[in-house]
Amino acid sequence: MAMTTSATRLGRATLSRLPADSRPAVLPGSVRAGVLHLGLGAFFRAHQALYVEAAMAASGGDWGIVAVAPRSRDVLEALRAQDHLYSVVTLDGAASRTRAVGALTGTVHAASDPDSVVAHLADPAIRVVTMTVTEKAYAPDSAVTRLLVAGLAARRRADAGPITLLSCDNLPSNGVVLGRLLAGVIPGELRDWYAASVRCPSSMVDRIVPATTPALLATAQRDLGVADLAAVVGEPFSQWVIEDDFAGARPDWAAAGAVLTGDVTPWEHLKLRALNGVHSTLAYLGALAGCEYIADALALPGMTDLLRRYVATEVAASMTPPEGVTVAGYGDAALERFANAALGHRCLQVAMDGTQKLPQRALSVLNTVPDPALATLILAAWARFAEGRSDSGQELPLNDPRAAEVRADLSTEALFGESGVLPVPDPARRRMIDLWRAELATHGAADLVRRTVA
């Protein structure tokens, strides 16, 4: 993108140049900080920040967000150059809608200024901390854990009041995971205060947010009339389900469209199995068939029917959905979302980290239902993908933290045996996986899908 100046770049000085429907719902500088967010990635900016802004627009309150960048400075510097304004491009088919977001009140670089993060955690104005920091941060010795413990100690010393730590990471029961982590590392002198003053509710987040590309930045500039070097992109659909267990005040997220509930678990199971599991299936079968994008994989003959059958039978048999929701209806909506070719969601991107994702997305179905005919196909497709070649011979990278272990022995027993990488305890089900692997090797993914629903 060409060089931009303050006169041609998104910022407070150029807000008046934006189309009326592209201006932020909350004007920057009109609210004070009330939320600290750990993580400055695209998903946060296309999801939680929008809910916070919408809550303030609907019900008021000082809930501006101070966003913390753990390591990289790139997005942070772009936001600071734009008065902490950025835009979200919503892609719906061939159409796009772009709107600037004014929810951020400041940014902090944790690696170079950890004391500032601790100071914000000790600020009584901050009543909610939200987090998108990836699974690796949920470890006793992680930088995020150390910051939280130091910040909670400083908050107690300052007598700054209760605080809620709300995980938004894609971990089952993420609030329980965070609470147990902190309970295990909080110093003894803090434990009584921690038990009385800190809550860690779980939440489930959902929106497809592809990587930002030069084409996306060009779309944002076209729609806004000014350049935005921190723009992000998302699909029209967005969902946030939050356990209503807060230590104190919170934004009016219900007014922003979030679901407040006493139990997030049914929503987590629904998303992991009927959406994320289907997404992984498309990624592995699509990559094997030579499809670059998820939408292309879904367009393979028979794929939609196969996935509908899987959701309506095996996924539905594995869980009890939230009240008022049907598993089949949710699955149909997921397929409509995946068909949005404008998102450019690549199969190889979705296929990453299979050993970390598939236990919740597919094994939870395969090891539960009486007849996992298609769940075993998903595991077979992953195993075939792990062999490293598509059906046409194209190299397929195995981007996975356990890649070396997987590639060391690709036999069905090594991968899925009781002590395997992804354990399937029932030998009969392992034989089903082995049969699917043979079918994939013989016919190829595209032909197998077509033959399976014929």
Protein backbone atom coordinates (compact mmCIF):
# COMPACT_ATOMS: atom_id res chain seq x y z
CA MET A 1 0.00 0.00 0.00
CA ALA A 2 1.22 3.50 -0.79
CA MET A 3 2.51 5.78 1.95
CA THR A 4 -0.23 7.55 3.89
CA THR A 5 -0.27 10.76 5.89
CA SER A 6 -2.41 11.86 8.83
CA ALA A 7 -4.69 13.65 6.36
CA THR A 8 -5.40 10.43 4.45
CA ARG A 9 -5.40 7.94 7.31
CA LEU A 10 -8.11 6.96 9.78
CA GLY A 11 -7.99 9.03 12.97
CA ARG A 12 -10.00 11.56 14.94
CA ALA A 13 -9.14 14.29 12.46
CA THR A 14 -10.58 12.31 9.53
CA LEU A 15 -13.74 10.90 11.14
CA SER A 16 -15.87 13.57 9.47
CA ARG A 17 -14.74 12.25 6.08
CA LEU A 18 -16.18 8.80 6.72
CA PRO A 19 -19.63 7.87 5.37
CA ALA A 20 -22.22 8.26 8.12
CA ASP A 21 -22.82 4.52 8.45
CA SER A 22 -19.08 3.88 8.75
CA ARG A 23 -18.50 6.07 11.80
CA PRO A 24 -17.93 4.50 15.22
CA ALA A 25 -20.89 3.85 17.52
CA VAL A 26 -18.91 5.43 20.37
CA LEU A 27 -16.80 8.49 19.72
CA PRO A 28 -13.18 8.10 20.80
CA GLY A 29 -12.41 10.08 23.92
CA SER A 30 -16.05 10.13 25.07
CA VAL A 31 -15.66 7.23 27.56
CA ARG A 32 -13.12 6.22 30.14
CA ALA A 33 -11.48 2.82 30.46
CA GLY A 34 -13.32 0.05 32.27
CA VAL A 35 -12.05 -3.08 30.49
CA LEU A 36 -8.52 -4.36 30.13
CA HIS A 37 -8.03 -6.79 27.28
CA LEU A 38 -5.00 -9.07 27.05
CA GLY A 39 -4.26 -9.76 23.39
CA LEU A 40 -4.45 -7.41 20.42
CA GLY A 41 -5.14 -9.87 17.63
CA ALA A 42 -7.63 -9.64 14.80
CA PHE A 43 -10.24 -11.80 16.50
CA PHE A 44 -10.50 -9.52 19.53
CA ARG A 45 -10.84 -6.46 17.32
CA ALA A 46 -13.52 -8.13 15.17
CA HIS A 47 -15.42 -9.65 18.09
CA GLN A 48 -15.17 -8.64 21.78
CA ALA A 49 -14.36 -4.99 21.05
CA LEU A 50 -17.53 -4.70 18.96
CA TYR A 51 -19.67 -6.13 21.75
CA VAL A 52 -18.17 -3.70 24.26
CA GLU A 53 -18.77 -0.78 21.93
CA ALA A 54 -22.34 -1.88 21.22
CA ALA A 55 -23.02 -2.26 24.95
CA MET A 56 -21.84 1.30 25.60
CA ALA A 57 -23.86 2.63 22.66
CA ALA A 58 -26.99 0.87 23.98
CA SER A 59 -26.71 1.41 27.72
CA GLY A 60 -23.86 3.85 28.41
CA GLY A 61 -21.14 3.35 30.97
CA ASP A 62 -17.40 3.86 31.01
CA TRP A 63 -16.27 0.59 29.50
CA GLY A 64 -13.58 1.75 27.12
CA ILE A 65 -10.91 -0.87 26.47
CA VAL A 66 -7.20 -0.68 27.20
CA ALA A 67 -5.75 -3.37 24.92
CA VAL A 68 -2.48 -5.13 25.74
CA ALA A 69 -0.17 -6.42 23.01
CA PRO A 70 1.87 -9.26 24.58
CA ARG A 71 4.85 -9.17 22.19
CA SER A 72 4.48 -7.78 18.67
CA ARG A 73 4.33 -4.01 18.28
CA ASP A 74 3.03 -3.88 14.71
CA VAL A 75 -0.71 -3.59 15.37
CA LEU A 76 -0.11 -1.49 18.48
CA GLU A 77 1.89 1.11 16.54
CA ALA A 78 -0.71 1.18 13.75
CA LEU A 79 -3.47 1.82 16.28
CA ARG A 80 -1.51 4.51 18.10
CA ALA A 81 -0.95 6.31 14.78
CA GLN A 82 -4.73 6.25 14.26
CA ASP A 83 -5.82 7.52 17.72
CA HIS A 84 -6.71 3.88 18.56
CA LEU A 85 -9.34 3.78 15.82
CA TYR A 86 -9.61 0.90 13.39
CA SER A 87 -12.28 -0.61 11.18
CA VAL A 88 -13.99 -3.96 10.66
CA VAL A 89 -14.84 -5.07 7.13
CA THR A 90 -17.79 -7.44 7.07
CA LEU A 91 -17.79 -9.63 3.96
CA ASP A 92 -21.12 -11.07 2.86
CA GLY A 93 -20.79 -12.67 -0.56
CA ALA A 94 -19.61 -10.04 -3.02
CA ALA A 95 -20.66 -7.14 -0.76
CA SER A 96 -18.68 -5.47 2.01
CA ARG A 97 -19.60 -3.18 4.88
CA THR A 98 -16.91 -1.30 6.75
CA ARG A 99 -17.31 0.53 10.05
CA ALA A 100 -14.79 2.22 12.29
CA VAL A 101 -14.63 1.15 15.95
CA GLY A 102 -14.12 3.58 18.82
CA ALA A 103 -14.04 1.22 21.80
CA LEU A 104 -10.27 1.43 22.45
CA THR A 105 -9.04 4.06 24.87
CA GLY A 106 -5.39 3.00 24.94
CA THR A 107 -2.80 0.32 24.28
CA VAL A 108 0.09 -1.18 26.24
CA HIS A 109 3.07 -3.24 25.09
CA ALA A 110 3.45 -5.90 27.77
CA ALA A 111 6.94 -7.09 26.81
CA SER A 112 8.50 -3.64 27.20
CA ASP A 113 6.16 -2.15 29.82
CA PRO A 114 4.81 -4.87 32.14
CA ASP A 115 4.50 -2.37 34.99
CA SER A 116 1.84 -0.51 33.04
CA VAL A 117 -0.21 -3.71 32.68
CA VAL A 118 0.08 -4.29 36.44
CA ALA A 119 -0.97 -0.69 37.11
CA HIS A 120 -4.09 -1.11 34.98
CA LEU A 121 -4.97 -4.33 36.80
CA ALA A 122 -4.72 -2.40 40.06
CA ASP A 123 -6.87 0.49 38.80
CA PRO A 124 -10.34 0.48 40.43
CA ALA A 125 -11.80 1.80 37.16
CA ILE A 126 -10.91 -1.54 35.51
CA ARG A 127 -13.59 -4.01 36.56
CA VAL A 128 -13.36 -6.61 33.80
CA VAL A 129 -10.34 -8.22 32.15
CA THR A 130 -10.99 -10.09 28.91
CA MET A 131 -8.42 -12.38 27.32
CA THR A 132 -7.55 -13.79 23.88
CA VAL A 133 -4.05 -15.05 24.50
CA THR A 134 -4.06 -18.60 23.00
CA GLU A 135 -3.75 -21.89 24.84
CA LYS A 136 -0.01 -21.55 25.52
CA ALA A 137 -0.63 -18.69 27.96
CA TYR A 138 -2.60 -20.97 30.32
CA ALA A 139 0.53 -22.30 31.99
CA PRO A 140 1.87 -21.52 35.48
CA ASP A 141 5.10 -20.02 34.15
CA SER A 142 3.69 -18.03 31.22
CA ALA A 143 4.19 -14.28 30.94
CA VAL A 144 0.41 -13.74 31.03
CA THR A 145 0.02 -15.75 34.24
CA ARG A 146 2.84 -13.81 35.90
CA LEU A 147 1.25 -10.51 34.89
CA LEU A 148 -2.13 -11.55 36.24
CA VAL A 149 -0.68 -12.65 39.58
CA ALA A 150 1.35 -9.45 39.93
CA GLY A 151 -1.66 -7.37 38.94
CA LEU A 152 -3.98 -9.10 41.40
CA ALA A 153 -1.45 -8.60 44.19
CA ALA A 154 -1.23 -4.90 43.29
CA ARG A 155 -5.04 -4.65 43.18
CA ARG A 156 -5.34 -6.07 46.66
CA ARG A 157 -2.69 -3.66 47.99
CA ALA A 158 -4.56 -0.76 46.38
CA ASP A 159 -7.89 -1.98 47.79
CA ALA A 160 -9.26 -1.50 44.26
CA GLY A 161 -12.24 -3.81 44.62
CA PRO A 162 -13.38 -7.00 42.94
CA ILE A 163 -12.51 -7.91 39.37
CA THR A 164 -13.68 -10.41 36.76
CA LEU A 165 -11.23 -12.27 34.52
CA LEU A 166 -13.14 -13.40 31.43
CA SER A 167 -11.38 -15.85 29.12
CA CYS A 168 -12.41 -15.66 25.45
CA ASP A 169 -9.99 -18.30 24.20
CA ASN A 170 -11.12 -21.44 22.37
CA LEU A 171 -10.64 -23.76 25.34
CA PRO A 172 -13.46 -25.92 26.71
CA SER A 173 -14.56 -24.54 30.09
CA ASN A 174 -12.00 -21.75 29.65
CA GLY A 175 -13.04 -19.96 32.82
CA VAL A 176 -12.61 -23.13 34.88
CA VAL A 177 -9.17 -23.63 33.31
CA LEU A 178 -8.17 -20.05 34.13
CA GLY A 179 -9.54 -20.23 37.68
CA ARG A 180 -7.71 -23.46 38.46
CA LEU A 181 -4.50 -22.08 36.99
CA LEU A 182 -4.59 -18.96 39.12
CA ALA A 183 -5.70 -20.81 42.27
CA GLY A 184 -2.58 -22.93 41.93
CA VAL A 185 -0.15 -20.04 41.68
CA ILE A 186 -1.69 -17.30 43.85
CA PRO A 187 0.53 -16.67 46.89
CA GLY A 188 -0.89 -17.79 50.23
CA GLU A 189 -1.41 -14.24 51.52
CA LEU A 190 -3.68 -13.50 48.55
CA ARG A 191 -5.88 -16.59 48.63
CA ASP A 192 -8.67 -15.34 50.87
CA TRP A 193 -8.90 -12.09 48.94
CA TYR A 194 -8.76 -13.94 45.63
CA ALA A 195 -11.59 -16.28 46.62
CA ALA A 196 -13.78 -13.37 47.68
CA SER A 197 -12.92 -10.81 45.02
CA VAL A 198 -12.11 -12.58 41.72
CA ARG A 199 -14.40 -14.45 39.35
CA CYS A 200 -13.40 -16.39 36.22
CA PRO A 201 -16.55 -17.08 34.18
CA SER A 202 -16.40 -19.18 31.05
CA SER A 203 -17.39 -17.90 27.63
CA MET A 204 -17.81 -19.19 24.09
CA VAL A 205 -16.89 -16.96 21.16
CA ASP A 206 -17.67 -17.45 17.50
CA ARG A 207 -16.89 -15.49 14.37
CA ILE A 208 -14.82 -16.39 11.33
CA VAL A 209 -12.02 -13.82 11.13
CA PRO A 210 -9.62 -14.57 8.25
CA ALA A 211 -6.16 -13.08 8.07
CA THR A 212 -5.87 -9.46 6.97
CA THR A 213 -4.53 -9.11 3.42
CA PRO A 214 -3.51 -6.17 1.21
CA ALA A 215 -6.80 -6.66 -0.64
CA LEU A 216 -8.67 -6.28 2.65
CA LEU A 217 -6.84 -3.04 3.46
CA ALA A 218 -7.73 -1.77 -0.01
CA THR A 219 -11.39 -2.63 0.60
CA ALA A 220 -11.37 -0.75 3.90
CA GLN A 221 -9.81 2.30 2.24
CA ARG A 222 -12.36 2.21 -0.57
CA ASP A 223 -15.28 1.99 1.85
CA LEU A 224 -13.97 4.56 4.35
CA GLY A 225 -12.35 7.05 2.02
CA VAL A 226 -9.20 6.98 4.18
CA ALA A 227 -6.54 4.35 4.83
CA ASP A 228 -6.72 2.05 7.84
CA LEU A 229 -3.59 -0.01 8.45
CA ALA A 230 -5.21 -1.84 11.39
CA ALA A 231 -8.36 -3.02 9.60
CA VAL A 232 -9.69 -6.53 10.22
CA VAL A 233 -12.24 -8.65 8.38
CA GLY A 234 -15.06 -10.92 9.53
CA GLU A 235 -18.13 -12.78 8.39
CA PRO A 236 -21.64 -11.37 9.13
CA PHE A 237 -22.27 -13.94 11.88
CA SER A 238 -21.02 -13.30 15.41
CA GLN A 239 -21.86 -14.93 18.74
CA TRP A 240 -20.72 -14.56 22.34
CA VAL A 241 -22.10 -16.77 25.10
CA ILE A 242 -21.01 -15.70 28.59
CA GLU A 243 -21.43 -17.37 31.96
CA ASP A 244 -23.19 -14.76 34.11
CA ASP A 245 -20.86 -14.95 37.11
CA PHE A 246 -19.20 -11.57 37.62
CA ALA A 247 -17.40 -10.17 40.66
CA GLY A 248 -18.82 -6.70 40.06
CA ALA A 249 -20.20 -4.48 37.33
CA ARG A 250 -19.93 -5.38 33.64
CA PRO A 251 -20.94 -3.87 30.29
CA ASP A 252 -24.55 -4.49 29.23
CA TRP A 253 -23.51 -7.25 26.88
CA ALA A 254 -27.03 -8.62 26.62
CA ALA A 255 -28.08 -5.33 24.99
CA ALA A 256 -25.24 -5.88 22.51
CA GLY A 257 -26.57 -9.31 21.52
CA ALA A 258 -24.48 -11.58 23.73
CA VAL A 259 -26.11 -14.55 25.46
CA LEU A 260 -25.79 -14.50 29.26
CA THR A 261 -26.32 -17.95 30.75
CA GLY A 262 -25.74 -20.02 33.84
CA ASP A 263 -23.95 -22.77 31.88
CA VAL A 264 -21.86 -22.29 28.75
CA THR A 265 -21.15 -26.02 28.32
CA PRO A 266 -24.01 -26.93 25.92
CA TRP A 267 -23.05 -24.00 23.68
CA GLU A 268 -19.40 -25.11 23.72
CA HIS A 269 -20.30 -28.66 22.73
CA LEU A 270 -22.54 -27.39 19.94
CA LYS A 271 -19.86 -25.15 18.48
CA LEU A 272 -16.98 -27.58 18.86
CA ARG A 273 -18.80 -30.53 17.30
CA ALA A 274 -21.32 -29.07 14.83
CA LEU A 275 -19.21 -26.14 13.63
CA ASN A 276 -15.52 -26.61 14.42
CA GLY A 277 -15.64 -30.34 13.74
CA VAL A 278 -17.30 -29.75 10.38
CA HIS A 279 -14.72 -27.04 9.64
CA SER A 280 -11.88 -29.49 10.28
CA THR A 281 -13.57 -32.10 8.09
CA LEU A 282 -13.75 -29.64 5.22
CA ALA A 283 -10.12 -28.66 5.76
CA TYR A 284 -8.70 -32.18 5.62
CA LEU A 285 -10.91 -33.62 2.89
CA GLY A 286 -10.65 -30.38 0.92
CA ALA A 287 -6.86 -30.22 1.14
CA LEU A 288 -6.61 -33.86 0.03
CA ALA A 289 -8.87 -33.09 -2.94
CA GLY A 290 -6.72 -30.10 -3.94
CA CYS A 291 -9.07 -27.36 -2.73
CA GLU A 292 -7.38 -24.18 -1.53
CA TYR A 293 -10.40 -22.68 0.23
CA ILE A 294 -13.05 -24.00 2.60
CA ALA A 295 -15.85 -22.78 0.32
CA ASP A 296 -14.34 -24.83 -2.53
CA ALA A 297 -14.24 -27.93 -0.33
CA LEU A 298 -17.89 -27.46 0.58
CA ALA A 299 -18.74 -27.25 -3.14
CA LEU A 300 -17.34 -30.74 -3.84
CA PRO A 301 -20.16 -33.02 -5.06
CA GLY A 302 -21.82 -34.73 -2.11
CA MET A 303 -19.93 -32.77 0.59
CA THR A 304 -22.92 -30.79 1.87
CA ASP A 305 -25.09 -33.90 2.11
CA LEU A 306 -22.36 -35.84 3.89
CA LEU A 307 -21.83 -33.11 6.48
CA ARG A 308 -25.55 -32.63 7.07
CA ARG A 309 -25.88 -36.37 7.66
CA TYR A 310 -22.95 -36.30 10.09
CA VAL A 311 -24.37 -33.42 12.14
CA ALA A 312 -27.98 -34.67 12.16
CA THR A 313 -27.02 -38.19 13.25
CA GLU A 314 -23.67 -38.55 14.99
CA VAL A 315 -23.19 -35.05 16.41
CA ALA A 316 -26.82 -34.86 17.51
CA ALA A 317 -26.49 -38.22 19.28
CA SER A 318 -23.39 -37.04 21.16
CA MET A 319 -24.88 -34.08 23.03
CA THR A 320 -27.87 -32.20 24.41
CA PRO A 321 -28.10 -28.77 22.74
CA PRO A 322 -29.01 -25.51 24.49
CA GLU A 323 -32.72 -24.97 25.04
CA GLY A 324 -34.48 -23.74 21.90
CA VAL A 325 -31.66 -24.81 19.55
CA THR A 326 -31.56 -27.87 17.28
CA VAL A 327 -28.26 -29.48 16.36
CA ALA A 328 -29.31 -29.97 12.74
CA GLY A 329 -30.46 -26.35 12.40
CA TYR A 330 -27.23 -25.07 13.91
CA GLY A 331 -25.27 -27.30 11.54
CA ASP A 332 -27.16 -26.00 8.50
CA ALA A 333 -26.38 -22.42 9.56
CA ALA A 334 -22.70 -23.36 9.91
CA LEU A 335 -22.63 -24.72 6.36
CA GLU A 336 -24.14 -21.48 5.06
CA ARG A 337 -21.35 -19.60 6.78
CA PHE A 338 -18.66 -21.84 5.33
CA ALA A 339 -20.07 -21.26 1.84
CA ASN A 340 -19.12 -17.56 2.05
CA ALA A 341 -16.34 -17.59 -0.55
CA ALA A 342 -15.56 -13.91 0.04
CA LEU A 343 -13.83 -14.85 3.31
CA GLY A 344 -11.03 -16.68 1.51
CA HIS A 345 -10.62 -19.10 4.43
CA ARG A 346 -7.81 -21.49 3.41
CA CYS A 347 -8.02 -25.21 4.10
CA LEU A 348 -4.41 -25.33 5.28
CA GLN A 349 -5.09 -22.58 7.84
CA VAL A 350 -8.00 -24.52 9.35
CA ALA A 351 -6.02 -27.79 9.19
CA MET A 352 -3.32 -26.51 11.57
CA ASP A 353 -2.84 -28.03 15.04
CA GLY A 354 -5.04 -31.06 14.46
CA THR A 355 -3.71 -32.94 17.50
CA GLN A 356 -4.85 -30.03 19.68
CA LYS A 357 -8.24 -29.52 18.05
CA LEU A 358 -9.55 -32.95 17.11
CA PRO A 359 -10.08 -34.33 20.65
CA GLN A 360 -12.83 -31.76 21.25
CA ARG A 361 -14.04 -31.54 17.65
CA ALA A 362 -14.20 -35.20 16.57
CA LEU A 363 -13.04 -37.67 19.23
CA SER A 364 -15.78 -36.35 21.53
CA VAL A 365 -18.25 -37.69 18.96
CA LEU A 366 -16.36 -40.77 17.79
CA ASN A 367 -15.84 -42.16 21.30
CA THR A 368 -19.41 -41.41 22.41
CA VAL A 369 -21.98 -42.42 19.80
CA PRO A 370 -23.00 -46.03 18.98
CA ASP A 371 -22.13 -45.86 15.27
CA PRO A 372 -19.40 -43.31 14.41
CA ALA A 373 -19.36 -44.10 10.70
CA LEU A 374 -18.51 -40.55 9.64
CA ALA A 375 -16.59 -39.45 12.74
CA THR A 376 -14.10 -42.20 11.91
CA LEU A 377 -13.84 -40.75 8.40
CA ILE A 378 -12.78 -37.40 9.88
CA LEU A 379 -9.92 -39.04 11.79
CA ALA A 380 -8.95 -41.04 8.71
CA ALA A 381 -8.85 -37.84 6.64
CA TRP A 382 -6.56 -36.22 9.20
CA ALA A 383 -4.27 -39.27 9.16
CA ARG A 384 -4.18 -39.24 5.35
CA PHE A 385 -3.44 -35.48 5.46
CA ALA A 386 -0.61 -36.14 7.94
CA GLU A 387 1.05 -38.41 5.38
CA GLY A 388 1.98 -35.17 3.60
CA ARG A 389 0.58 -35.46 0.07
CA SER A 390 -2.72 -34.55 -1.54
CA ASP A 391 -4.45 -36.99 -3.86
CA SER A 392 -2.66 -35.34 -6.79
CA GLY A 393 0.73 -35.56 -5.08
CA GLN A 394 0.97 -31.95 -3.92
CA GLU A 395 2.89 -31.48 -0.67
CA LEU A 396 0.74 -30.82 2.40
CA PRO A 397 2.52 -29.22 5.39
CA LEU A 398 1.76 -30.66 8.82
CA ASN A 399 1.73 -27.53 10.98
CA ASP A 400 1.24 -29.10 14.39
CA PRO A 401 3.12 -29.03 17.72
CA ARG A 402 3.27 -32.86 17.65
CA ALA A 403 4.21 -33.13 13.97
CA ALA A 404 7.46 -35.01 14.61
CA GLU A 405 5.69 -37.58 16.79
CA VAL A 406 2.89 -38.01 14.23
CA ARG A 407 5.25 -38.42 11.29
CA ALA A 408 7.49 -40.86 13.20
CA ASP A 409 4.86 -43.61 12.89
CA LEU A 410 1.79 -43.04 10.73
CA SER A 411 0.21 -46.43 11.37
CA THR A 412 -3.37 -46.45 12.61
CA GLU A 413 -2.27 -48.13 15.85
CA ALA A 414 0.41 -45.51 16.56
CA LEU A 415 -1.95 -42.64 15.82
CA PHE A 416 -5.16 -43.96 17.41
CA GLY A 417 -4.21 -46.83 19.71
CA GLU A 418 -4.87 -46.58 23.45
CA SER A 419 -1.47 -44.94 23.93
CA GLY A 420 -1.52 -43.22 20.57
CA VAL A 421 -1.48 -39.56 19.59
CA LEU A 422 -5.29 -39.35 19.45
CA PRO A 423 -6.53 -42.34 21.45
CA VAL A 424 -9.54 -44.34 20.25
CA PRO A 425 -9.96 -47.05 22.90
CA ASP A 426 -12.33 -49.30 20.92
CA PRO A 427 -10.40 -51.59 18.48
CA ALA A 428 -13.49 -51.88 16.26
CA ARG A 429 -13.51 -48.13 15.77
CA ARG A 430 -9.82 -48.14 14.96
CA ARG A 431 -10.55 -50.73 12.30
CA MET A 432 -13.20 -48.37 10.88
CA ILE A 433 -10.57 -45.63 10.67
CA ASP A 434 -8.19 -48.02 8.94
CA LEU A 435 -10.85 -48.96 6.38
CA TRP A 436 -11.54 -45.29 5.63
CA ARG A 437 -7.80 -44.66 5.22
CA ALA A 438 -7.65 -47.45 2.64
CA GLU A 439 -10.67 -46.02 0.83
CA LEU A 440 -9.12 -42.56 0.75
CA ALA A 441 -5.86 -43.97 -0.61
CA THR A 442 -7.73 -45.93 -3.31
CA HIS A 443 -10.36 -43.44 -4.46
CA GLY A 444 -9.17 -40.01 -3.29
CA ALA A 445 -11.15 -37.65 -1.09
CA ALA A 446 -13.38 -36.07 -3.74
CA ASP A 447 -14.50 -39.38 -5.21
CA LEU A 448 -14.94 -40.95 -1.78
CA VAL A 449 -17.24 -38.13 -0.66
CA ARG A 450 -19.32 -38.47 -3.82
CA ARG A 451 -19.51 -42.26 -3.48
CA THR A 452 -20.40 -42.11 0.23
CA VAL A 453 -23.60 -40.11 -0.37
CA ALA A 454 -24.54 -41.72 -3.68
